[in-house]
PDB file of N, CA and C in Angstrom:
ATOM      1  N   MET A   1      22.069 -27.925  27.508  1.00  0.00           N
ATOM      2  CA  MET A   1      22.697 -27.886  26.066  1.00  0.00           C
ATOM      3  C   MET A   1      21.803 -28.029  24.995  1.00  0.00           C
ATOM      4  N   PRO A   2      20.980 -29.151  25.144  1.00  0.00           N
ATOM      5  CA  PRO A   2      19.966 -29.633  24.125  1.00  0.00           C
ATOM      6  C   PRO A   2      19.050 -28.440  23.707  1.00  0.00           C
ATOM      7  N   THR A   3      18.744 -27.550  24.794  1.00  0.00           N
ATOM      8  CA  THR A   3      17.770 -26.447  24.530  1.00  0.00           C
ATOM      9  C   THR A   3      18.486 -25.395  23.620  1.00  0.00           C
ATOM     10  N   ILE A   4      19.739 -25.141  23.800  1.00  0.00           N
ATOM     11  CA  ILE A   4      20.551 -24.101  23.184  1.00  0.00           C
ATOM     12  C   ILE A   4      20.585 -24.536  21.700  1.00  0.00           C
ATOM     13  N   VAL A   5      20.889 -25.959  21.477  1.00  0.00           N
ATOM     14  CA  VAL A   5      20.924 -26.418  20.149  1.00  0.00           C
ATOM     15  C   VAL A   5      19.510 -26.396  19.521  1.00  0.00           C
ATOM     16  N   ALA A   6      18.480 -26.711  20.123  1.00  0.00           N
ATOM     17  CA  ALA A   6      17.029 -26.509  19.519  1.00  0.00           C
ATOM     18  C   ALA A   6      16.894 -25.066  19.194  1.00  0.00           C
ATOM     19  N   LEU A   7      17.273 -24.075  20.092  1.00  0.00           N
ATOM     20  CA  LEU A   7      17.021 -22.694  20.041  1.00  0.00           C
ATOM     21  C   LEU A   7      17.792 -22.168  18.551  1.00  0.00           C
ATOM     22  N   LEU A   8      19.162 -22.627  18.609  1.00  0.00           N
ATOM     23  CA  LEU A   8      19.875 -22.263  17.383  1.00  0.00           C
ATOM     24  C   LEU A   8      19.354 -22.647  16.096  1.00  0.00           C
ATOM     25  N   PHE A   9      18.982 -24.073  16.243  1.00  0.00           N
ATOM     26  CA  PHE A   9      18.396 -24.810  14.838  1.00  0.00           C
ATOM     27  C   PHE A   9      16.992 -24.086  14.553  1.00  0.00           C
ATOM     28  N   ALA A  10      16.239 -23.521  15.538  1.00  0.00           N
ATOM     29  CA  ALA A  10      14.953 -22.757  15.234  1.00  0.00           C
ATOM     30  C   ALA A  10      15.234 -21.535  14.664  1.00  0.00           C
ATOM     31  N   LEU A  11      16.207 -20.623  15.024  1.00  0.00           N
ATOM     32  CA  LEU A  11      16.611 -19.606  14.414  1.00  0.00           C
ATOM     33  C   LEU A  11      17.194 -19.681  13.180  1.00  0.00           C
ATOM     34  N   LEU A  12      18.021 -20.796  12.851  1.00  0.00           N
ATOM     35  CA  LEU A  12      18.422 -20.924  11.591  1.00  0.00           C
ATOM     36  C   LEU A  12      17.411 -21.373  10.585  1.00  0.00           C
ATOM     37  N   VAL A  13      16.375 -22.139  11.022  1.00  0.00           N
ATOM     38  CA  VAL A  13      15.399 -22.423  10.239  1.00  0.00           C
ATOM     39  C   VAL A  13      14.402 -21.041   9.768  1.00  0.00           C
ATOM     40  N   MET A  14      14.148 -20.317  10.947  1.00  0.00           N
ATOM     41  CA  MET A  14      13.500 -19.213  10.570  1.00  0.00           C
ATOM     42  C   MET A  14      14.163 -18.251   9.767  1.00  0.00           C
ATOM     43  N   HIS A  15      15.576 -18.043   9.974  1.00  0.00           N
ATOM     44  CA  HIS A  15      16.275 -17.271   9.101  1.00  0.00           C
ATOM     45  C   HIS A  15      16.413 -17.777   7.587  1.00  0.00           C
ATOM     46  N   LEU A  16      16.496 -19.120   7.377  1.00  0.00           N
ATOM     47  CA  LEU A  16      16.436 -19.600   5.924  1.00  0.00           C
ATOM     48  C   LEU A  16      15.121 -19.385   5.408  1.00  0.00           C
ATOM     49  N   ALA A  17      14.129 -19.405   5.961  1.00  0.00           N
ATOM     50  CA  ALA A  17      12.555 -19.295   5.498  1.00  0.00           C
ATOM     51  C   ALA A  17      12.493 -17.845   5.105  1.00  0.00           C
ATOM     52  N   LEU A  18      13.102 -16.851   5.994  1.00  0.00           N
ATOM     53  CA  LEU A  18      12.866 -15.457   5.557  1.00  0.00           C
ATOM     54  C   LEU A  18      13.807 -15.170   4.332  1.00  0.00           C
ATOM     55  N   ASN A  19      14.860 -15.734   4.212  1.00  0.00           N
ATOM     56  CA  ASN A  19      15.574 -15.618   3.016  1.00  0.00           C
ATOM     57  C   ASN A  19      14.952 -16.080   1.825  1.00  0.00           C
ATOM     58  N   VAL A  20      14.375 -17.209   2.179  1.00  0.00           N
ATOM     59  CA  VAL A  20      13.730 -17.744   0.761  1.00  0.00           C
ATOM     60  C   VAL A  20      12.511 -16.904   0.475  1.00  0.00           C
ATOM     61  N   HIS A  21      11.817 -16.258   1.495  1.00  0.00           N
ATOM     62  CA  HIS A  21      10.595 -15.423   1.277  1.00  0.00           C
ATOM     63  C   HIS A  21      11.045 -14.151   0.478  1.00  0.00           C
ATOM     64  N   VAL A  22      12.215 -13.506   0.966  1.00  0.00           N
ATOM     65  CA  VAL A  22      12.646 -12.425   0.342  1.00  0.00           C
ATOM     66  C   VAL A  22      13.154 -12.593  -1.134  1.00  0.00           C
ATOM     67  N   THR A  23      13.835 -13.706  -1.212  1.00  0.00           N
ATOM     68  CA  THR A  23      14.306 -14.232  -2.682  1.00  0.00           C
ATOM     69  C   THR A  23      13.152 -14.169  -3.344  1.00  0.00           C
ATOM     70  N   ARG A  24      12.020 -14.761  -2.971  1.00  0.00           N
ATOM     71  CA  ARG A  24      10.739 -14.977  -3.873  1.00  0.00           C
ATOM     72  C   ARG A  24      10.331 -13.499  -4.167  1.00  0.00           C
ATOM     73  N   LEU A  25      10.309 -12.770  -3.339  1.00  0.00           N
ATOM     74  CA  LEU A  25       9.849 -11.337  -3.433  1.00  0.00           C
ATOM     75  C   LEU A  25      10.733 -10.595  -4.564  1.00  0.00           C
ATOM     76  N   VAL A  26      11.884 -10.833  -4.506  1.00  0.00           N
ATOM     77  CA  VAL A  26      12.835 -10.052  -5.278  1.00  0.00           C
ATOM     78  C   VAL A  26      12.734 -10.709  -6.847  1.00  0.00           C
ATOM     79  N   LEU A  27      12.648 -12.077  -6.806  1.00  0.00           N
ATOM     80  CA  LEU A  27      12.340 -12.682  -8.223  1.00  0.00           C
ATOM     81  C   LEU A  27      11.170 -12.330  -8.859  1.00  0.00           C
ATOM     82  N   ALA A  28      10.000 -11.991  -7.991  1.00  0.00           N
ATOM     83  CA  ALA A  28       8.778 -11.712  -8.666  1.00  0.00           C
ATOM     84  C   ALA A  28       8.602 -10.281  -8.875  1.00  0.00           C
ATOM     85  N   SER A  29       9.688  -9.460  -8.350  1.00  0.00           N
ATOM     86  CA  SER A  29       9.435  -8.053  -8.556  1.00  0.00           C
ATOM     87  C   SER A  29       9.532  -7.711  -9.858  1.00  0.00           C
ATOM     88  N   GLY A  30       8.700  -6.758 -10.547  1.00  0.00           N
ATOM     89  CA  GLY A  30       8.914  -6.283 -11.956  1.00  0.00           C
ATOM     90  C   GLY A  30       9.541  -4.982 -11.927  1.00  0.00           C
ATOM     91  N   PHE A  31      10.023  -4.435 -10.839  1.00  0.00           N
ATOM     92  CA  PHE A  31      10.476  -3.089 -10.722  1.00  0.00           C
ATOM     93  C   PHE A  31      12.100  -3.082 -10.892  1.00  0.00           C
ATOM     94  N   TYR A  32      12.788  -4.301 -10.721  1.00  0.00           N
ATOM     95  CA  TYR A  32      14.154  -4.279 -10.823  1.00  0.00           C
ATOM     96  C   TYR A  32      14.591  -5.083 -12.121  1.00  0.00           C
ATOM     97  N   GLU A  33      15.781  -4.545 -12.601  1.00  0.00           N
ATOM     98  CA  GLU A  33      16.333  -5.293 -13.772  1.00  0.00           C
ATOM     99  C   GLU A  33      17.163  -6.514 -13.269  1.00  0.00           C
ATOM    100  N   PRO A  34      17.362  -7.450 -14.061  1.00  0.00           N
ATOM    101  CA  PRO A  34      18.067  -8.844 -13.843  1.00  0.00           C
ATOM    102  C   PRO A  34      19.313  -8.627 -13.042  1.00  0.00           C
ATOM    103  N   ASN A  35      20.114  -7.672 -13.456  1.00  0.00           N
ATOM    104  CA  ASN A  35      21.464  -7.443 -12.645  1.00  0.00           C
ATOM    105  C   ASN A  35      21.075  -6.829 -11.264  1.00  0.00           C
ATOM    106  N   GLN A  36      20.220  -6.060 -11.058  1.00  0.00           N
ATOM    107  CA  GLN A  36      19.957  -5.643  -9.843  1.00  0.00           C
ATOM    108  C   GLN A  36      19.408  -6.729  -8.825  1.00  0.00           C
ATOM    109  N   LYS A  37      18.458  -7.571  -9.386  1.00  0.00           N
ATOM    110  CA  LYS A  37      18.123  -8.630  -8.784  1.00  0.00           C
ATOM    111  C   LYS A  37      19.141  -9.731  -8.121  1.00  0.00           C
ATOM    112  N   ARG A  38      20.135  -9.789  -9.136  1.00  0.00           N
ATOM    113  CA  ARG A  38      21.267 -10.851  -8.760  1.00  0.00           C
ATOM    114  C   ARG A  38      22.093 -10.137  -7.698  1.00  0.00           C
ATOM    115  N   VAL A  39      22.360  -8.836  -7.728  1.00  0.00           N
ATOM    116  CA  VAL A  39      23.034  -8.108  -6.571  1.00  0.00           C
ATOM    117  C   VAL A  39      22.231  -8.183  -5.240  1.00  0.00           C
ATOM    118  N   GLN A  40      20.933  -7.984  -5.247  1.00  0.00           N
ATOM    119  CA  GLN A  40      20.083  -8.026  -4.052  1.00  0.00           C
ATOM    120  C   GLN A  40      20.098  -9.424  -3.482  1.00  0.00           C
ATOM    121  N   LEU A  41      19.923 -10.616  -4.437  1.00  0.00           N
ATOM    122  CA  LEU A  41      19.978 -11.776  -3.949  1.00  0.00           C
ATOM    123  C   LEU A  41      21.381 -12.214  -3.364  1.00  0.00           C
ATOM    124  N   ALA A  42      22.332 -11.778  -3.852  1.00  0.00           N
ATOM    125  CA  ALA A  42      23.645 -11.936  -3.193  1.00  0.00           C
ATOM    126  C   ALA A  42      23.755 -11.265  -1.814  1.00  0.00           C
ATOM    127  N   ILE A  43      23.153 -10.224  -1.779  1.00  0.00           N
ATOM    128  CA  ILE A  43      23.242  -9.473  -0.566  1.00  0.00           C
ATOM    129  C   ILE A  43      22.307 -10.178   0.551  1.00  0.00           C
ATOM    130  N   VAL A  44      21.204 -10.654   0.117  1.00  0.00           N
ATOM    131  CA  VAL A  44      20.404 -11.327   1.164  1.00  0.00           C
ATOM    132  C   VAL A  44      21.102 -12.765   1.481  1.00  0.00           C
ATOM    133  N   TRP A  45      21.783 -13.455   0.572  1.00  0.00           N
ATOM    134  CA  TRP A  45      22.354 -14.626   1.014  1.00  0.00           C
ATOM    135  C   TRP A  45      23.838 -14.684   1.542  1.00  0.00           C
ATOM    136  N   LEU A  46      24.552 -13.601   1.218  1.00  0.00           N
ATOM    137  CA  LEU A  46      25.933 -13.468   1.746  1.00  0.00           C
ATOM    138  C   LEU A  46      25.929 -12.449   3.075  1.00  0.00           C
ATOM    139  N   LEU A  47      25.121 -11.681   3.271  1.00  0.00           N
ATOM    140  CA  LEU A  47      25.065 -11.006   4.601  1.00  0.00           C
ATOM    141  C   LEU A  47      24.034 -11.359   5.399  1.00  0.00           C
ATOM    142  N   PRO A  48      24.289 -12.196   6.334  1.00  0.00           N
ATOM    143  CA  PRO A  48      23.170 -13.127   7.072  1.00  0.00           C
ATOM    144  C   PRO A  48      21.967 -12.287   7.408  1.00  0.00           C
ATOM    145  N   ILE A  49      21.965 -11.490   8.512  1.00  0.00           N
ATOM    146  CA  ILE A  49      20.738 -10.833   8.903  1.00  0.00           C
ATOM    147  C   ILE A  49      20.507  -9.418   8.163  1.00  0.00           C
ATOM    148  N   VAL A  50      21.693  -8.613   7.961  1.00  0.00           N
ATOM    149  CA  VAL A  50      21.612  -7.291   7.626  1.00  0.00           C
ATOM    150  C   VAL A  50      21.331  -7.162   6.190  1.00  0.00           C
ATOM    151  N   GLY A  51      21.700  -8.150   5.331  1.00  0.00           N
ATOM    152  CA  GLY A  51      21.258  -8.236   4.043  1.00  0.00           C
ATOM    153  C   GLY A  51      19.675  -8.609   3.895  1.00  0.00           C
ATOM    154  N   LEU A  52      19.133  -9.306   4.690  1.00  0.00           N
ATOM    155  CA  LEU A  52      17.764  -9.650   4.629  1.00  0.00           C
ATOM    156  C   LEU A  52      17.003  -8.402   4.853  1.00  0.00           C
ATOM    157  N   ILE A  53      17.510  -7.874   5.992  1.00  0.00           N
ATOM    158  CA  ILE A  53      16.651  -6.767   6.412  1.00  0.00           C
ATOM    159  C   ILE A  53      16.674  -5.512   5.302  1.00  0.00           C
ATOM    160  N   LEU A  54      18.038  -5.178   4.912  1.00  0.00           N
ATOM    161  CA  LEU A  54      18.264  -4.262   3.785  1.00  0.00           C
ATOM    162  C   LEU A  54      17.304  -4.361   2.592  1.00  0.00           C
ATOM    163  N   VAL A  55      17.462  -5.645   1.983  1.00  0.00           N
ATOM    164  CA  VAL A  55      16.671  -5.962   0.768  1.00  0.00           C
ATOM    165  C   VAL A  55      15.081  -5.936   1.001  1.00  0.00           C
ATOM    166  N   TRP A  56      14.731  -6.308   2.111  1.00  0.00           N
ATOM    167  CA  TRP A  56      13.435  -6.295   2.463  1.00  0.00           C
ATOM    168  C   TRP A  56      12.779  -4.964   2.634  1.00  0.00           C
ATOM    169  N   VAL A  57      13.750  -4.060   3.104  1.00  0.00           N
ATOM    170  CA  VAL A  57      13.179  -2.627   3.153  1.00  0.00           C
ATOM    171  C   VAL A  57      13.298  -1.953   1.955  1.00  0.00           C
ATOM    172  N   PHE A  58      14.090  -2.195   1.135  1.00  0.00           N
ATOM    173  CA  PHE A  58      14.113  -1.505  -0.279  1.00  0.00           C
ATOM    174  C   PHE A  58      13.013  -2.003  -0.994  1.00  0.00           C
ATOM    175  N   LEU A  59      12.445  -3.506  -0.787  1.00  0.00           N
ATOM    176  CA  LEU A  59      11.385  -3.929  -1.625  1.00  0.00           C
ATOM    177  C   LEU A  59      10.158  -3.106  -1.130  1.00  0.00           C
ATOM    178  N   ARG A  60      10.065  -2.937   0.159  1.00  0.00           N
ATOM    179  CA  ARG A  60       8.958  -2.200   0.776  1.00  0.00           C
ATOM    180  C   ARG A  60       8.682  -0.765   0.332  1.00  0.00           C
ATOM    181  N   PHE A  61       9.956  -0.059   0.171  1.00  0.00           N
ATOM    182  CA  PHE A  61       9.818   1.381  -0.136  1.00  0.00           C
ATOM    183  C   PHE A  61       9.890   1.662  -1.643  1.00  0.00           C
ATOM    184  N   GLU A  62      10.473   0.846  -2.465  1.00  0.00           N
ATOM    185  CA  GLU A  62      10.457   0.960  -3.938  1.00  0.00           C
ATOM    186  C   GLU A  62       9.381   0.199  -4.882  1.00  0.00           C
ATOM    187  N   ARG A  63       8.612  -0.648  -4.207  1.00  0.00           N
ATOM    188  CA  ARG A  63       7.578  -1.294  -4.693  1.00  0.00           C
ATOM    189  C   ARG A  63       6.343  -0.236  -4.990  1.00  0.00           C
ATOM    190  N   PRO A  64       5.897  -0.269  -6.175  1.00  0.00           N
ATOM    191  CA  PRO A  64       4.601   0.605  -6.448  1.00  0.00           C
ATOM    192  C   PRO A  64       3.606   0.401  -5.451  1.00  0.00           C
ATOM    193  N   ARG A  65       3.153   1.585  -4.887  1.00  0.00           N
ATOM    194  CA  ARG A  65       2.073   1.424  -3.914  1.00  0.00           C
ATOM    195  C   ARG A  65       0.845   1.327  -4.859  1.00  0.00           C
ATOM    196  N   ALA A  66      -0.127   0.541  -4.171  1.00  0.00           N
ATOM    197  CA  ALA A  66      -1.358   0.616  -4.762  1.00  0.00           C
ATOM    198  C   ALA A  66      -2.306   1.763  -4.514  1.00  0.00           C
ATOM    199  N   HIS A  67      -2.720   2.305  -5.746  1.00  0.00           N
ATOM    200  CA  HIS A  67      -3.301   3.424  -5.829  1.00  0.00           C
ATOM    201  C   HIS A  67      -4.874   3.147  -5.889  1.00  0.00           C
ATOM    202  N   VAL A  68      -5.615   3.605  -4.907  1.00  0.00           N
ATOM    203  CA  VAL A  68      -7.060   3.189  -4.766  1.00  0.00           C
ATOM    204  C   VAL A  68      -7.700   4.547  -5.500  1.00  0.00           C
ATOM    205  N   GLU A  69      -8.472   4.143  -6.500  1.00  0.00           N
ATOM    206  CA  GLU A  69      -9.246   5.259  -7.082  1.00  0.00           C
ATOM    207  C   GLU A  69     -10.807   5.133  -6.627  1.00  0.00           C
ATOM    208  N   TYR A  70     -11.317   6.223  -6.365  1.00  0.00           N
ATOM    209  CA  TYR A  70     -12.599   6.260  -5.888  1.00  0.00           C
ATOM    210  C   TYR A  70     -13.572   6.705  -6.809  1.00  0.00           C
ATOM    211  N   ASP A  71     -14.538   5.960  -6.989  1.00  0.00           N
ATOM    212  CA  ASP A  71     -15.642   6.420  -8.090  1.00  0.00           C
ATOM    213  C   ASP A  71     -16.514   7.530  -7.432  1.00  0.00           C
ATOM    214  N   HIS A  72     -16.463   8.697  -8.015  1.00  0.00           N
ATOM    215  CA  HIS A  72     -17.191   9.738  -7.606  1.00  0.00           C
ATOM    216  C   HIS A  72     -18.714   9.763  -8.092  1.00  0.00           C
ATOM    217  N   GLY A  73     -18.952   8.636  -8.636  1.00  0.00           N
ATOM    218  CA  GLY A  73     -20.387   8.662  -9.418  1.00  0.00           C
ATOM    219  C   GLY A  73     -21.464   8.588  -8.325  1.00  0.00           C
ATOM    220  N   ASP A  74     -22.782   8.679  -8.704  1.00  0.00           N
ATOM    221  CA  ASP A  74     -23.932   8.745  -8.043  1.00  0.00           C
ATOM    222  C   ASP A  74     -24.593   7.449  -7.949  1.00  0.00           C
ATOM    223  N   ASP A  75     -23.930   6.518  -8.134  1.00  0.00           N
ATOM    224  CA  ASP A  75     -24.537   5.126  -8.338  1.00  0.00           C
ATOM    225  C   ASP A  75     -25.476   4.687  -7.093  1.00  0.00           C
ATOM    226  N   ASP A  76     -24.940   5.005  -5.928  1.00  0.00           N
ATOM    227  CA  ASP A  76     -25.405   4.566  -4.779  1.00  0.00           C
ATOM    228  C   ASP A  76     -26.473   5.544  -4.086  1.00  0.00           C
ATOM    229  N   VAL A  77     -26.642   6.786  -4.681  1.00  0.00           N
ATOM    230  CA  VAL A  77     -27.422   7.761  -4.285  1.00  0.00           C
ATOM    231  C   VAL A  77     -28.705   7.935  -5.132  1.00  0.00           C
ATOM    232  N   PRO A  78     -29.810   7.645  -4.474  1.00  0.00           N
ATOM    233  CA  PRO A  78     -31.049   7.821  -5.257  1.00  0.00           C
ATOM    234  C   PRO A  78     -31.301   9.173  -6.038  1.00  0.00           C
ATOM    235  N   GLU A  79     -31.860   8.972  -7.280  1.00  0.00           N
ATOM    236  CA  GLU A  79     -31.906  10.184  -8.145  1.00  0.00           C
ATOM    237  C   GLU A  79     -32.648  11.301  -7.557  1.00  0.00           C
ATOM    238  N   SER A  80     -33.600  10.924  -6.808  1.00  0.00           N
ATOM    239  CA  SER A  80     -34.545  12.065  -6.225  1.00  0.00           C
ATOM    240  C   SER A  80     -33.717  12.987  -5.528  1.00  0.00           C
ATOM    241  N   VAL A  81     -32.523  12.608  -4.809  1.00  0.00           N
ATOM    242  CA  VAL A  81     -31.686  13.593  -4.082  1.00  0.00           C
ATOM    243  C   VAL A  81     -31.415  14.776  -5.040  1.00  0.00           C
ATOM    244  N   PHE A  82     -30.893  14.675  -6.222  1.00  0.00           N
ATOM    245  CA  PHE A  82     -30.582  15.274  -7.069  1.00  0.00           C
ATOM    246  C   PHE A  82     -31.487  15.949  -8.146  1.00  0.00           C
ATOM    247  N   ALA A  83     -32.654  15.324  -8.063  1.00  0.00           N
ATOM    248  CA  ALA A  83     -33.887  15.817  -8.912  1.00  0.00           C
ATOM    249  C   ALA A  83     -34.286  17.313  -8.550  1.00  0.00           C
ATOM    250  N   GLU A  84     -34.259  18.133  -9.676  1.00  0.00           N
ATOM    251  CA  GLU A  84     -34.920  19.390  -9.532  1.00  0.00           C
ATOM    252  C   GLU A  84     -36.365  19.620  -9.171  1.00  0.00           C
ATOM    253  N   LYS A  85     -36.994  20.395  -8.702  1.00  0.00           N
ATOM    254  CA  LYS A  85     -38.295  20.582  -8.379  1.00  0.00           C
ATOM    255  C   LYS A  85     -39.017  20.585  -9.720  1.00  0.00           C
ATOM    256  N   SER A  86     -40.278  20.333  -9.506  1.00  0.00           N
ATOM    257  CA  SER A  86     -40.886  20.309 -10.814  1.00  0.00           C
ATOM    258  C   SER A  86     -41.115  21.790 -11.436  1.00  0.00           C
ATOM    259  N   SER A  87     -40.828  22.800 -10.869  1.00  0.00           N
ATOM    260  CA  SER A  87     -40.957  24.202 -11.458  1.00  0.00           C
ATOM    261  C   SER A  87     -39.609  24.481 -11.882  1.00  0.00           C
ATOM    262  N   GLY A  88     -38.610  23.611 -11.794  1.00  0.00           N
ATOM    263  CA  GLY A  88     -37.331  23.831 -12.330  1.00  0.00           C
ATOM    264  C   GLY A  88     -36.330  24.615 -11.397  1.00  0.00           C
ATOM    265  N   GLU A  89     -36.649  24.896 -10.371  1.00  0.00           N
ATOM    266  CA  GLU A  89     -35.901  25.605  -9.336  1.00  0.00           C
ATOM    267  C   GLU A  89     -35.048  24.587  -8.536  1.00  0.00           C
ATOM    268  N   ASN A  90     -34.055  24.976  -7.977  1.00  0.00           N
ATOM    269  CA  ASN A  90     -33.339  24.068  -6.923  1.00  0.00           C
ATOM    270  C   ASN A  90     -33.962  24.295  -5.428  1.00  0.00           C
ATOM    271  N   SER A  91     -33.835  23.508  -4.651  1.00  0.00           N
ATOM    272  CA  SER A  91     -34.493  23.710  -3.338  1.00  0.00           C
ATOM    273  C   SER A  91     -33.995  24.704  -2.525  1.00  0.00           C
ATOM    274  N   MET A  92     -32.752  25.057  -2.826  1.00  0.00           N
ATOM    275  CA  MET A  92     -32.007  26.292  -2.100  1.00  0.00           C
ATOM    276  C   MET A  92     -32.169  27.582  -3.142  1.00  0.00           C
ATOM    277  N   ASN A  93     -32.852  28.606  -2.629  1.00  0.00           N
ATOM    278  CA  ASN A  93     -32.689  29.805  -3.399  1.00  0.00           C
ATOM    279  C   ASN A  93     -32.357  30.940  -2.567  1.00  0.00           C
ATOM    280  N   GLU A  94     -32.338  32.214  -3.302  1.00  0.00           N
ATOM    281  CA  GLU A  94     -31.652  33.194  -2.528  1.00  0.00           C
ATOM    282  C   GLU A  94     -32.567  33.586  -1.301  1.00  0.00           C
ATOM    283  N   ALA A  95     -33.725  33.500  -1.408  1.00  0.00           N
ATOM    284  CA  ALA A  95     -34.790  33.907  -0.296  1.00  0.00           C
ATOM    285  C   ALA A  95     -34.631  32.981   0.929  1.00  0.00           C
ATOM    286  N   SER A  96     -33.985  31.769   0.591  1.00  0.00           N
ATOM    287  CA  SER A  96     -34.014  30.877   1.989  1.00  0.00           C
ATOM    288  C   SER A  96     -32.673  30.938   2.675  1.00  0.00           C
ATOM    289  N   LEU A  97     -31.646  31.711   2.127  1.00  0.00           N
ATOM    290  CA  LEU A  97     -30.367  31.714   2.570  1.00  0.00           C
ATOM    291  C   LEU A  97     -30.270  32.923   3.770  1.00  0.00           C
ATOM    292  N   PRO A  98     -29.660  32.869   4.711  1.00  0.00           N
ATOM    293  CA  PRO A  98     -29.631  33.963   5.776  1.00  0.00           C
ATOM    294  C   PRO A  98     -28.729  35.028   5.305  1.00  0.00           C
ATOM    295  N   GLU A  99     -28.893  36.462   5.663  1.00  0.00           N
ATOM    296  CA  GLU A  99     -28.125  37.356   5.234  1.00  0.00           C
ATOM    297  C   GLU A  99     -26.857  37.206   6.126  1.00  0.00           C
ATOM    298  N   VAL A 100     -25.570  37.715   5.501  1.00  0.00           N
ATOM    299  CA  VAL A 100     -24.364  37.861   6.167  1.00  0.00           C
ATOM    300  C   VAL A 100     -23.905  39.355   6.440  1.00  0.00           C
ATOM    301  N   ALA A 101     -23.583  39.548   7.525  1.00  0.00           N
ATOM    302  CA  ALA A 101     -23.491  40.939   8.119  1.00  0.00           C
ATOM    303  C   ALA A 101     -22.225  41.537   7.219  1.00  0.00           C
ATOM    304  N   GLY A 102     -22.219  42.824   6.781  1.00  0.00           N
ATOM    305  CA  GLY A 102     -21.344  43.424   5.978  1.00  0.00           C
ATOM    306  C   GLY A 102     -21.112  43.010   4.551  1.00  0.00           C
ATOM    307  N   HIS A 103     -22.273  42.280   3.971  1.00  0.00           N
ATOM    308  CA  HIS A 103     -22.379  41.687   2.825  1.00  0.00           C
ATOM    309  C   HIS A 103     -23.170  42.499   2.025  1.00  0.00           C
ATOM    310  N   ASP A 104     -22.698  43.026   0.882  1.00  0.00           N
ATOM    311  CA  ASP A 104     -23.575  44.036   0.066  1.00  0.00           C
ATOM    312  C   ASP A 104     -24.549  43.057  -0.975  1.00  0.00           C
TER     313      ASP A 104
END
């Protein structure tokens, strides 16, 4: 019997910790208006497990995703790779390209 009580107590503590975590996420979210936040907090605390999962899923999908922008600059490539030959021609010219069959 004591192990069941300890297990139920651990589940209750875990549930409360998750509720607090999701509550903090909702309050910190800049995506929702105050009335929406109140409704979501009511759902979290009044619907024991289902409310917690629903609000957490909404937060995950409606939160703006981080957009990674890549710098397409040539900062890490040595200039000599892009430097033209001293005669002003590129390293690839028409004479060095293979002919394609059927091409005029």
